[in-house]
C-alpha cells in the first residue's frame, strides 16, 4: 500500500499536534534563556510587552499552554501550506 502525500502530511500534522498538546504540560515554568540572562545582567525590569505577541507567556487566555501549543502548531502548518502552494504555482 502506497501512502499518498496527503496521508503523510496528515500523519505529520497529527504527530505535531500530539507533541504540542501532550508535552506542553511538561514545559518548564522557569524563565526562558533570554529572560534568565536579562535578569542576570540587570535589565529585566526594562522589559516591555511585544505589540505583536500572539501567545504572551506561551498561553492562550482560557486555553492555557496546551491551547497555545495546539494553535501555534496549526498556525505554522497553515502558513507553511500557504507558502508551499504559492511556491508550487510559481514553479509550475
Protein backbone atom coordinates (compact mmCIF):
# COMPACT_ATOMS: atom_id res chain seq x y z
CA UNK A 1 0.00 0.00 0.00
CA UNK A 2 1.48 3.31 -1.10
CA UNK A 3 0.92 6.34 1.14
CA UNK A 4 -0.26 9.47 -0.61
CA UNK A 5 1.27 12.87 0.02
CA UNK A 6 -1.89 13.97 1.85
CA UNK A 7 -1.77 10.93 4.13
CA UNK A 8 1.87 11.60 5.03
CA UNK A 9 1.24 15.30 5.65
CA UNK A 10 -1.84 14.48 7.72
CA UNK A 11 0.11 11.97 9.81
CA UNK A 12 2.89 14.52 10.41
CA UNK A 13 0.31 17.12 11.48
CA UNK A 14 -1.35 14.68 13.88
CA UNK A 15 2.01 13.80 15.46
CA UNK A 16 2.91 17.50 15.72
CA UNK A 17 -0.42 18.25 17.42
CA UNK A 18 0.03 15.36 19.84
CA UNK A 19 3.51 16.55 20.74
CA UNK A 20 2.46 20.21 21.07
CA UNK A 21 -0.64 19.43 23.10
CA UNK A 22 0.63 16.49 25.09
CA UNK A 23 4.09 17.68 26.01
CA UNK A 24 3.01 21.23 26.85
CA UNK A 25 2.07 20.04 30.33
CA UNK A 26 5.71 19.17 30.96
CA UNK A 27 7.11 22.57 29.93
CA UNK A 28 9.31 24.26 32.48
CA UNK A 29 7.90 27.17 34.44
CA UNK A 30 11.41 28.60 34.83
CA UNK A 31 12.26 31.70 32.79
CA UNK A 32 13.49 31.03 29.28
CA UNK A 33 17.10 31.74 28.34
CA UNK A 34 16.60 35.37 27.33
CA UNK A 35 14.66 36.20 30.48
CA UNK A 36 17.31 34.49 32.62
CA UNK A 37 20.18 36.42 31.02
CA UNK A 38 18.26 39.70 31.27
CA UNK A 39 17.76 39.08 34.99
CA UNK A 40 21.44 38.19 35.47
CA UNK A 41 22.60 41.33 33.65
CA UNK A 42 20.12 43.54 35.49
CA UNK A 43 17.93 44.85 32.70
CA UNK A 44 14.90 42.56 33.03
CA UNK A 45 12.94 45.38 34.67
CA UNK A 46 13.04 47.33 31.38
CA UNK A 47 11.06 44.62 29.61
CA UNK A 48 8.12 45.89 27.52
CA UNK A 49 5.24 43.79 26.17
CA UNK A 50 5.52 42.97 22.49
CA UNK A 51 2.86 44.63 20.32
CA UNK A 52 2.79 41.58 18.04
CA UNK A 53 2.94 38.79 20.63
CA UNK A 54 0.48 36.12 19.56
CA UNK A 55 0.78 33.96 22.66
CA UNK A 56 2.11 36.01 25.59
CA UNK A 57 3.95 33.82 28.08
CA UNK A 58 3.18 30.84 25.82
CA UNK A 59 -0.50 30.78 26.81
CA UNK A 60 -3.89 31.47 25.26
CA UNK A 61 -6.45 33.04 27.61
CA UNK A 62 -8.94 30.35 28.54
CA UNK A 63 -6.93 27.57 26.89
CA UNK A 64 -3.58 27.84 28.66
CA UNK A 65 -0.29 26.41 27.49
CA UNK A 66 -1.87 23.44 25.74
CA UNK A 67 -4.10 25.72 23.69
CA UNK A 68 -1.13 27.87 22.72
CA UNK A 69 0.80 24.78 21.61
CA UNK A 70 -2.09 23.48 19.54
CA UNK A 71 -2.96 26.83 17.99
CA UNK A 72 0.69 27.62 17.30
CA UNK A 73 1.14 24.28 15.56
CA UNK A 74 -1.96 24.83 13.43
CA UNK A 75 -0.86 28.38 12.61
CA UNK A 76 2.59 27.22 11.47
CA UNK A 77 1.01 24.40 9.42
CA UNK A 78 -1.36 26.87 7.74
CA UNK A 79 1.42 29.34 6.91
CA UNK A 80 3.67 26.59 5.53
CA UNK A 81 0.81 25.13 3.50
CA UNK A 82 0.07 28.53 2.02
CA UNK A 83 3.72 29.19 1.22
CA UNK A 84 4.08 25.74 -0.31
CA UNK A 85 1.09 26.27 -2.57
CA UNK A 86 2.26 29.72 -3.55
CA UNK A 87 5.74 28.48 -4.43
CA UNK A 88 4.37 25.44 -6.26
CA UNK A 89 2.30 27.72 -8.52
CA UNK A 90 5.36 29.77 -9.43
CA UNK A 91 7.32 26.64 -10.35
CA UNK A 92 4.53 25.13 -12.44
